[in-house]
Amino acid sequence: MKLLIADRFEPHALEELRHLGIEVVYDPECTAETLPQKLAGVGILVVGSTEVRASAIEGGKALHLIVKAGAGTAGIDLLSASARGIYVANCAGKEAVAVAELVMGLACALDRRIPDAIAQLRAGRWERAELLAAEGLQGRTMGIVGLGAVGREVASRARAFGMQPIAYSRSLTPQKAGDHHVGFARSLEELASRSQLLSLHLPLTERTRGIISRSILAALPERAMLINTARPELVDQPALKEAIATRGLRVGLDVWAGEPAEVSAPFHSPLLDVGGVVYGTPHIGASTAQAERAIAAETVRIVRSFVQTGEVPSCVNVSSISPARYLMVVRSLDKVGVLANVLGVVKRHGLNVEEVSSTIFDGAIAACTKFRVTGRPGEACIAEIKAFEEVFHVDVVALPNRA
C-alpha cells in the first residue's frame, strides 16, 4: 500500500511509518491544487492544513483512508469521502494542552496588557501609569463554551490560576459538569452573563456558526474578556467589532476571519483598527513541539491499526445509527458458498444488507452469521434460505429504532 503525507510531519514518526512495510511518500509542499495529481495509487492520505477537496477524493481511486493530523476535519470534504466509502480519522485532543496554554497566555496578556508594555519599552518609553490598572485573574469567573478535550484542559489551568470555571455545551449536564469540577450554566446567555472571561472551544457546524451573537456579546459584563482559539465563524464579526468599540470588550484571538492560506502572507483584520484592547496570534494554538509529537504519534497509531487490522481508530464518518431495521440470524455449516447463497436470496427479495458479522464455532464446522437488513425478510425469503441443505436455522429479530 502507498501512503502520501501531504504536509509537514515529525521526522521520528515519519520513520515509524516507513517501518510498517508500506511505501511512504513525503511531500510537505503539496497544495490543494496539486494534490489531485499526486493521488494515483495512494491508499492512505495524511494531511494537516492541506485541503482535500471533492476533486481530489473523486480522483483518488485507490484511496481508503484520510487522516487529519490534527483536530476536527476542517479542509476535508467529508461528504465526498463518505459517499465514496473512504474512512476519515483525526487526532482529536492531542493539541488540547497546547491550545489551553495559549488561552491562559492570552488571558494574562489581556489583563496585564503585556504586548503594549513590551511595545512601549522597545520604543524607549517608560509609561507605567496606564498599565497599573490590571484587575488580576484570581477569583474571576471564566466561562468555557464547549467542554471537550481543550475546554477541560482550559478549566484545569483556570483553577490553577484561582479562577472559577463554569461551562456550557448542548450535551453538558449538571452531573457531567460536577465530574469535571466546573460550574454549570443552563444556557449560553447565562454563561455569558456570569463570565468576566469567555473562552470558545466549539467545532464549527451549522448549529455553532455565529453562536456568539450580538445578544451573547451584550450579555457579557462591561470590560469582559473574550478569547477565541477555535474558529472565527463562531462569532458575529460586526457585533464583535461593535462590542470592542462601545463596551470595552477585551479580545484575544488566535483565529481570524479571512486568514491567508499561506504560512507567510500579508494580513490585516478590521478588528485591529477599532482602538480597544485586541491582541492576537496567527493561528498557532496547536503549534508546539509537544503537540506536534503527540499528533504525529496518534497519526502513526491510526495508520498502523488500519494497515495491520483494518480497524480505523478515531474515525469520524462511520454512521452511529444504521438504517437497518431487522437482524436475520442464520446458523449454518461453515462452507464455501453459504454466504453467497444467502446474499443472493436477500438480493432477489430487494433487501439491502447494511452489516454482516460471523461467529465460527470450535472445529470450524458450524457458523452463526448475522445480517442487518433494511426491511423484514418475508416468509418466502426465509423459506428459500432454509431450503439450502447447509442451513440449520433462520431467525428474524426487529432492531430498536435509534433514529
Protein backbone atom coordinates (compact mmCIF):
# COMPACT_ATOMS: atom_id res chain seq x y z
CA MET A 1 0.00 0.00 0.00
CA LYS A 2 1.11 3.56 -0.73
CA LEU A 3 0.85 6.38 1.82
CA LEU A 4 1.14 10.08 0.96
CA ILE A 5 1.95 12.68 3.63
CA ALA A 6 0.89 15.99 2.12
CA ASP A 7 2.07 18.30 4.91
CA ARG A 8 4.96 18.81 7.32
CA PHE A 9 5.39 15.80 9.59
CA GLU A 10 7.50 14.96 12.63
CA PRO A 11 10.69 13.15 11.45
CA HIS A 12 10.71 10.35 14.05
CA ALA A 13 7.08 9.48 13.34
CA LEU A 14 7.83 9.54 9.62
CA GLU A 15 10.42 6.81 10.16
CA GLU A 16 7.91 4.79 12.19
CA LEU A 17 5.51 4.87 9.25
CA ARG A 18 8.23 3.66 6.90
CA HIS A 19 8.78 0.64 9.16
CA LEU A 20 5.19 -0.52 8.64
CA GLY A 21 6.14 -2.15 5.35
CA ILE A 22 4.28 0.33 3.14
CA GLU A 23 5.53 2.81 0.58
CA VAL A 24 5.66 6.28 2.16
CA VAL A 25 5.80 9.42 0.02
CA TYR A 26 6.59 12.62 1.92
CA ASP A 27 5.53 15.80 0.11
CA PRO A 28 5.27 18.72 2.58
CA GLU A 29 5.00 21.24 -0.27
CA CYS A 30 1.78 19.68 -1.58
CA THR A 31 -1.18 22.05 -2.01
CA ALA A 32 -4.90 21.66 -2.56
CA GLU A 33 -4.32 22.39 -6.24
CA THR A 34 -1.53 19.84 -6.77
CA LEU A 35 -2.97 17.10 -4.54
CA PRO A 36 -5.33 15.51 -7.12
CA GLN A 37 -2.41 14.76 -9.45
CA LYS A 38 -0.45 13.04 -6.66
CA LEU A 39 -3.06 10.53 -5.50
CA ALA A 40 -2.54 7.86 -8.16
CA GLY A 41 -2.17 4.55 -6.34
CA VAL A 42 -2.36 6.20 -2.90
CA GLY A 43 -4.31 4.17 -0.34
CA ILE A 44 -3.71 6.37 2.74
CA LEU A 45 -3.50 10.17 2.76
CA VAL A 46 -2.22 12.18 5.75
CA VAL A 47 -2.84 15.94 5.80
CA GLY A 48 -2.54 18.77 8.29
CA SER A 49 -3.74 22.05 6.84
CA THR A 50 -3.72 20.98 3.17
CA GLU A 51 -7.26 20.99 1.79
CA VAL A 52 -8.71 17.75 0.45
CA ARG A 53 -11.40 18.82 -1.97
CA ALA A 54 -14.04 16.73 -3.73
CA SER A 55 -11.94 16.71 -6.91
CA ALA A 56 -9.05 15.05 -5.07
CA ILE A 57 -11.30 12.48 -3.42
CA GLU A 58 -13.03 11.61 -6.68
CA GLY A 59 -9.66 11.22 -8.40
CA GLY A 60 -8.14 9.09 -5.64
CA LYS A 61 -9.42 5.77 -6.98
CA ALA A 62 -7.28 3.68 -4.58
CA LEU A 63 -7.92 5.88 -1.54
CA HIS A 64 -9.13 4.02 1.58
CA LEU A 65 -8.25 6.34 4.46
CA ILE A 66 -7.65 10.06 5.07
CA VAL A 67 -6.00 11.02 8.37
CA LYS A 68 -6.22 14.60 9.59
CA ALA A 69 -3.04 15.19 11.59
CA GLY A 70 -4.86 17.48 13.98
CA ALA A 71 -8.29 18.07 15.47
CA GLY A 72 -11.53 18.28 13.50
CA THR A 73 -11.89 17.76 9.77
CA ALA A 74 -11.61 21.33 8.51
CA GLY A 75 -10.43 21.36 4.91
CA ILE A 76 -11.56 17.80 4.14
CA ASP A 77 -14.69 17.30 2.05
CA LEU A 78 -16.27 14.86 4.47
CA LEU A 79 -19.42 14.30 2.42
CA SER A 80 -17.42 13.33 -0.67
CA ALA A 81 -15.24 10.95 1.36
CA SER A 82 -18.29 9.30 2.95
CA ALA A 83 -20.02 8.98 -0.43
CA ARG A 84 -17.03 7.02 -1.75
CA GLY A 85 -16.66 4.83 1.35
CA ILE A 86 -13.36 6.43 2.41
CA TYR A 87 -12.59 6.46 6.14
CA VAL A 88 -11.69 9.83 7.67
CA ALA A 89 -9.92 9.90 11.05
CA ASN A 90 -8.44 12.70 13.11
CA CYS A 91 -6.19 13.25 16.13
CA ALA A 92 -8.71 14.97 18.37
CA GLY A 93 -7.49 16.10 21.76
CA LYS A 94 -3.77 15.76 21.05
CA GLU A 95 -3.40 19.53 20.68
CA ALA A 96 -5.54 20.31 23.74
CA VAL A 97 -2.73 21.19 26.13
CA ALA A 98 -1.03 23.50 23.62
CA VAL A 99 -4.27 25.38 22.92
CA ALA A 100 -5.11 25.64 26.62
CA GLU A 101 -1.68 27.09 27.36
CA LEU A 102 -2.21 29.74 24.67
CA VAL A 103 -5.62 30.59 26.14
CA MET A 104 -4.06 31.32 29.50
CA GLY A 105 -1.27 33.27 27.84
CA LEU A 106 -3.84 35.46 26.08
CA ALA A 107 -5.77 35.86 29.33
CA CYS A 108 -2.66 37.14 31.11
CA ALA A 109 -1.80 39.38 28.17
CA LEU A 110 -5.27 40.93 28.14
CA ASP A 111 -5.37 41.51 31.88
CA ARG A 112 -1.84 42.92 32.21
CA ARG A 113 -1.62 44.43 28.69
CA ILE A 114 1.73 42.70 28.22
CA PRO A 115 2.03 43.36 24.44
CA ASP A 116 1.53 47.11 24.99
CA ALA A 117 4.12 47.16 27.75
CA ILE A 118 6.67 45.41 25.54
CA ALA A 119 5.96 47.74 22.62
CA GLN A 120 6.45 50.81 24.82
CA LEU A 121 9.76 49.54 26.20
CA ARG A 122 11.03 48.73 22.72
CA ALA A 123 10.05 52.25 21.68
CA GLY A 124 12.18 53.62 24.53
CA ARG A 125 9.23 54.70 26.72
CA TRP A 126 8.65 54.03 30.43
CA GLU A 127 4.90 54.59 30.77
CA ARG A 128 3.68 52.61 33.77
CA ALA A 129 0.68 54.75 34.64
CA GLU A 130 -1.76 53.36 32.08
CA LEU A 131 -0.63 49.78 32.79
CA LEU A 132 -1.23 49.82 36.55
CA ALA A 133 -4.98 49.15 36.38
CA ALA A 134 -4.89 45.39 35.82
CA GLU A 135 -7.70 43.62 37.65
CA GLY A 136 -5.94 40.26 38.11
CA LEU A 137 -7.30 36.82 37.24
CA GLN A 138 -7.63 35.24 40.68
CA GLY A 139 -11.24 34.93 41.77
CA ARG A 140 -12.58 35.86 38.32
CA THR A 141 -15.13 33.67 36.56
CA MET A 142 -14.06 32.02 33.31
CA GLY A 143 -16.89 30.85 31.06
CA ILE A 144 -15.95 27.92 28.82
CA VAL A 145 -18.09 27.34 25.74
CA GLY A 146 -17.68 23.65 24.89
CA LEU A 147 -16.24 21.19 27.38
CA GLY A 148 -14.35 18.84 25.07
CA ALA A 149 -10.67 17.97 25.39
CA VAL A 150 -9.49 21.58 25.02
CA GLY A 151 -12.21 23.01 27.23
CA ARG A 152 -11.33 20.58 30.02
CA GLU A 153 -7.64 21.49 29.82
CA VAL A 154 -8.55 25.18 29.96
CA ALA A 155 -10.72 24.57 33.03
CA SER A 156 -7.84 22.80 34.76
CA ARG A 157 -5.50 25.73 34.16
CA ALA A 158 -8.13 28.28 35.16
CA ARG A 159 -8.46 26.54 38.52
CA ALA A 160 -4.67 26.65 38.92
CA PHE A 161 -4.88 30.44 38.46
CA GLY A 162 -7.50 30.63 41.21
CA MET A 163 -10.31 31.33 38.73
CA GLN A 164 -13.83 29.92 38.85
CA PRO A 165 -14.51 27.91 35.64
CA ILE A 166 -18.11 27.42 34.52
CA ALA A 167 -19.17 25.80 31.29
CA TYR A 168 -21.95 25.40 28.76
CA SER A 169 -22.48 22.99 25.88
CA ARG A 170 -25.59 21.40 24.42
CA SER A 171 -24.71 17.99 25.86
CA LEU A 172 -23.44 19.15 29.25
CA THR A 173 -25.46 18.18 32.32
CA PRO A 174 -25.01 19.30 35.95
CA GLN A 175 -23.70 15.81 36.72
CA LYS A 176 -21.06 15.95 33.95
CA ALA A 177 -20.07 19.47 34.97
CA GLY A 178 -19.57 18.29 38.54
CA ASP A 179 -17.48 15.34 37.35
CA HIS A 180 -15.14 17.82 35.62
CA HIS A 181 -15.12 20.24 38.60
CA VAL A 182 -16.70 23.13 36.70
CA GLY A 183 -19.81 25.17 37.31
CA PHE A 184 -22.87 24.56 35.14
CA ALA A 185 -24.73 27.13 33.02
CA ARG A 186 -28.15 26.24 31.62
CA SER A 187 -27.76 28.42 28.54
CA LEU A 188 -25.14 30.34 26.62
CA GLU A 189 -26.80 33.60 27.68
CA GLU A 190 -26.49 32.62 31.34
CA LEU A 191 -22.85 31.64 30.85
CA ALA A 192 -22.01 34.98 29.22
CA SER A 193 -23.76 36.99 31.94
CA ARG A 194 -21.72 35.24 34.64
CA SER A 195 -18.31 35.39 32.90
CA GLN A 196 -15.61 38.01 33.26
CA LEU A 197 -13.69 35.96 30.67
CA LEU A 198 -15.39 33.86 27.98
CA SER A 199 -13.30 31.27 26.07
CA LEU A 200 -14.61 29.47 22.98
CA HIS A 201 -13.93 25.77 22.32
CA LEU A 202 -16.55 24.54 19.85
CA PRO A 203 -16.22 22.92 16.43
CA LEU A 204 -17.77 24.77 13.51
CA THR A 205 -21.11 23.29 12.45
CA GLU A 206 -24.32 24.77 11.09
CA ARG A 207 -25.56 24.91 14.68
CA THR A 208 -22.49 26.71 16.04
CA ARG A 209 -21.91 29.15 13.17
CA GLY A 210 -22.45 32.64 14.61
CA ILE A 211 -23.38 31.21 18.02
CA ILE A 212 -21.61 34.12 19.76
CA SER A 213 -24.21 36.57 18.51
CA ARG A 214 -24.87 40.21 19.29
CA SER A 215 -27.16 39.19 22.19
CA ILE A 216 -24.50 36.91 23.70
CA LEU A 217 -21.87 39.65 23.49
CA ALA A 218 -24.34 42.08 25.08
CA ALA A 219 -24.84 39.67 27.98
CA LEU A 220 -21.15 39.87 28.92
CA PRO A 221 -20.28 42.25 31.77
CA GLU A 222 -18.67 45.58 30.89
CA ARG A 223 -14.95 45.24 30.11
CA ALA A 224 -15.15 41.45 29.98
CA MET A 225 -12.63 39.45 28.00
CA LEU A 226 -13.34 37.14 25.06
CA ILE A 227 -10.80 34.58 23.83
CA ASN A 228 -11.31 32.61 20.63
CA THR A 229 -8.82 29.88 19.71
CA ALA A 230 -11.42 27.72 17.92
CA ARG A 231 -12.96 29.10 14.70
CA PRO A 232 -13.65 32.74 13.68
CA GLU A 233 -17.04 31.79 12.23
CA LEU A 234 -18.34 31.07 15.75
CA VAL A 235 -18.55 34.83 16.36
CA ASP A 236 -20.68 37.52 14.71
CA GLN A 237 -17.78 39.67 13.48
CA PRO A 238 -19.60 43.05 13.05
CA ALA A 239 -21.14 42.61 16.52
CA LEU A 240 -17.71 41.80 17.95
CA LYS A 241 -16.22 44.94 16.45
CA GLU A 242 -19.05 47.00 17.91
CA ALA A 243 -18.66 45.45 21.38
CA ILE A 244 -14.94 46.29 21.39
CA ALA A 245 -15.68 49.91 20.48
CA THR A 246 -18.71 50.56 22.68
CA ARG A 247 -18.49 48.21 25.68
CA GLY A 248 -14.74 47.98 26.24
CA LEU A 249 -14.67 44.25 25.43
CA ARG A 250 -11.09 42.99 25.52
CA VAL A 251 -10.39 40.35 22.90
CA GLY A 252 -7.68 37.71 22.39
CA LEU A 253 -7.77 35.86 19.08
CA ASP A 254 -5.78 33.03 17.55
CA VAL A 255 -8.29 32.61 14.68
CA TRP A 256 -9.32 35.37 12.29
CA ALA A 257 -11.84 35.97 9.53
CA GLY A 258 -10.07 35.93 6.16
CA GLU A 259 -6.94 34.10 7.24
CA PRO A 260 -4.47 33.68 4.34
CA ALA A 261 -3.79 30.12 3.21
CA GLU A 262 -0.02 30.66 3.05
CA VAL A 263 2.25 30.34 6.08
CA SER A 264 3.80 33.75 5.30
CA ALA A 265 1.49 36.35 3.74
CA PRO A 266 0.25 39.92 4.28
CA PHE A 267 -2.73 40.08 6.63
CA HIS A 268 -4.85 42.73 8.28
CA SER A 269 -8.05 42.48 10.30
CA PRO A 270 -10.50 45.37 10.77
CA LEU A 271 -10.73 44.32 14.42
CA LEU A 272 -7.20 45.66 14.91
CA ASP A 273 -8.37 49.15 13.88
CA VAL A 274 -11.13 49.53 16.46
CA GLY A 275 -8.90 51.11 19.09
CA GLY A 276 -9.70 48.84 22.01
CA VAL A 277 -7.56 46.09 23.51
CA VAL A 278 -7.32 43.42 20.80
CA TYR A 279 -4.40 41.02 20.94
CA GLY A 280 -3.79 38.06 18.71
CA THR A 281 -1.62 35.34 17.31
CA PRO A 282 -1.60 33.98 13.74
CA HIS A 283 -3.41 30.64 14.29
CA ILE A 284 -0.64 28.96 16.27
CA GLY A 285 -2.75 27.37 19.02
CA ALA A 286 -1.72 23.78 18.35
CA SER A 287 1.78 24.66 17.20
CA THR A 288 4.13 23.46 19.91
CA ALA A 289 6.76 20.75 19.62
CA GLN A 290 4.90 18.73 22.27
CA ALA A 291 1.61 18.93 20.39
CA GLU A 292 3.31 18.11 17.10
CA ARG A 293 4.85 14.97 18.59
CA ALA A 294 1.55 13.89 20.16
CA ILE A 295 -0.35 14.40 16.90
CA ALA A 296 2.31 12.54 14.91
CA ALA A 297 2.23 9.61 17.35
CA GLU A 298 -1.56 9.41 17.09
CA THR A 299 -1.33 9.51 13.29
CA VAL A 300 1.08 6.57 13.37
CA ARG A 301 -1.27 4.67 15.69
CA ILE A 302 -4.22 5.17 13.33
CA VAL A 303 -2.25 4.14 10.24
CA ARG A 304 -0.69 1.13 11.98
CA SER A 305 -4.10 -0.12 13.12
CA PHE A 306 -5.55 0.22 9.62
CA VAL A 307 -2.62 -1.49 7.93
CA GLN A 308 -2.38 -4.35 10.42
CA THR A 309 -6.03 -4.96 11.37
CA GLY A 310 -8.25 -2.99 9.02
CA GLU A 311 -9.66 -1.08 12.01
CA VAL A 312 -9.69 2.75 11.99
CA PRO A 313 -9.36 4.37 15.44
CA SER A 314 -10.80 7.88 15.83
CA CYS A 315 -12.87 7.53 12.66
CA VAL A 316 -15.32 10.43 12.30
CA ASN A 317 -17.51 9.44 9.34
CA VAL A 318 -18.87 5.99 10.18
CA SER A 319 -22.57 6.25 10.94
CA SER A 320 -23.53 5.50 14.53
CA ILE A 321 -27.16 5.00 13.51
CA SER A 322 -27.70 2.22 10.97
CA PRO A 323 -30.70 2.26 8.62
CA ALA A 324 -31.01 -1.50 9.29
CA ARG A 325 -34.29 -2.38 10.99
CA TYR A 326 -34.09 -6.18 11.23
CA LEU A 327 -31.46 -8.72 12.21
CA MET A 328 -31.52 -12.01 10.33
CA VAL A 329 -29.58 -14.74 12.15
CA VAL A 330 -28.50 -17.73 10.04
CA ARG A 331 -26.93 -20.82 11.62
CA SER A 332 -25.26 -23.00 9.01
CA LEU A 333 -22.31 -25.13 8.06
CA ASP A 334 -19.07 -23.20 7.68
CA LYS A 335 -18.65 -23.99 3.99
CA VAL A 336 -17.71 -22.14 0.81
CA GLY A 337 -20.69 -20.56 -0.90
CA VAL A 338 -23.14 -20.47 2.02
CA LEU A 339 -22.93 -16.68 2.47
CA ALA A 340 -23.07 -16.14 -1.28
CA ASN A 341 -26.27 -18.22 -1.50
CA VAL A 342 -27.92 -16.32 1.36
CA LEU A 343 -26.93 -12.92 -0.05
CA GLY A 344 -28.28 -13.94 -3.45
CA VAL A 345 -31.68 -14.68 -1.93
CA VAL A 346 -31.69 -11.44 0.05
CA LYS A 347 -30.86 -9.50 -3.12
CA ARG A 348 -33.71 -11.14 -5.09
CA HIS A 349 -36.14 -10.07 -2.37
CA GLY A 350 -34.98 -6.44 -2.55
CA LEU A 351 -33.39 -6.17 0.89
CA ASN A 352 -30.24 -4.14 1.45
CA VAL A 353 -27.67 -5.64 3.82
CA GLU A 354 -26.11 -2.93 5.99
CA GLU A 355 -23.77 -5.11 8.05
CA VAL A 356 -22.62 -8.75 8.21
CA SER A 357 -20.80 -10.48 11.08
CA SER A 358 -19.97 -14.17 11.58
CA THR A 359 -19.05 -16.35 14.53
CA ILE A 360 -17.21 -19.62 13.85
CA PHE A 361 -17.62 -22.42 16.39
CA ASP A 362 -14.92 -24.81 17.62
CA GLY A 363 -13.81 -27.21 14.91
CA ALA A 364 -14.76 -24.77 12.13
CA ILE A 365 -17.74 -26.94 11.21
CA ALA A 366 -20.59 -24.54 12.01
CA ALA A 367 -21.10 -20.79 11.87
CA CYS A 368 -23.64 -18.22 13.01
CA THR A 369 -23.96 -15.24 10.67
CA LYS A 370 -25.89 -12.07 11.47
CA PHE A 371 -27.23 -9.93 8.63
CA ARG A 372 -28.50 -6.44 9.46
CA VAL A 373 -31.07 -5.64 6.75
CA THR A 374 -33.23 -2.62 5.95
CA GLY A 375 -36.55 -4.48 5.70
CA ARG A 376 -38.21 -7.52 7.24
CA PRO A 377 -37.44 -10.74 5.31
CA GLY A 378 -40.74 -12.25 4.19
CA GLU A 379 -41.79 -15.89 4.62
CA ALA A 380 -40.81 -16.69 1.02
CA CYS A 381 -37.31 -15.23 1.57
CA ILE A 382 -36.82 -17.21 4.78
CA ALA A 383 -38.12 -20.40 3.16
CA GLU A 384 -35.62 -20.06 0.29
CA ILE A 385 -32.73 -19.66 2.73
CA LYS A 386 -33.89 -22.61 4.85
CA ALA A 387 -34.07 -24.76 1.72
CA PHE A 388 -30.26 -24.76 1.40
CA GLU A 389 -29.02 -28.05 2.86
CA GLU A 390 -26.12 -26.27 4.61
CA VAL A 391 -28.53 -24.04 6.62
CA PHE A 392 -29.69 -25.25 10.05
CA HIS A 393 -31.98 -22.42 11.13
CA VAL A 394 -33.04 -18.82 10.39
CA ASP A 395 -34.31 -16.25 12.91
CA VAL A 396 -35.51 -12.67 12.31
CA VAL A 397 -35.35 -10.09 15.10
CA ALA A 398 -36.66 -6.48 14.96
CA LEU A 399 -33.96 -3.99 15.88
CA PRO A 400 -34.71 -0.99 18.14
CA ASN A 401 -35.25 2.20 16.16
CA ARG A 402 -32.47 4.58 17.27
CA ALA A 403 -33.15 7.27 14.69
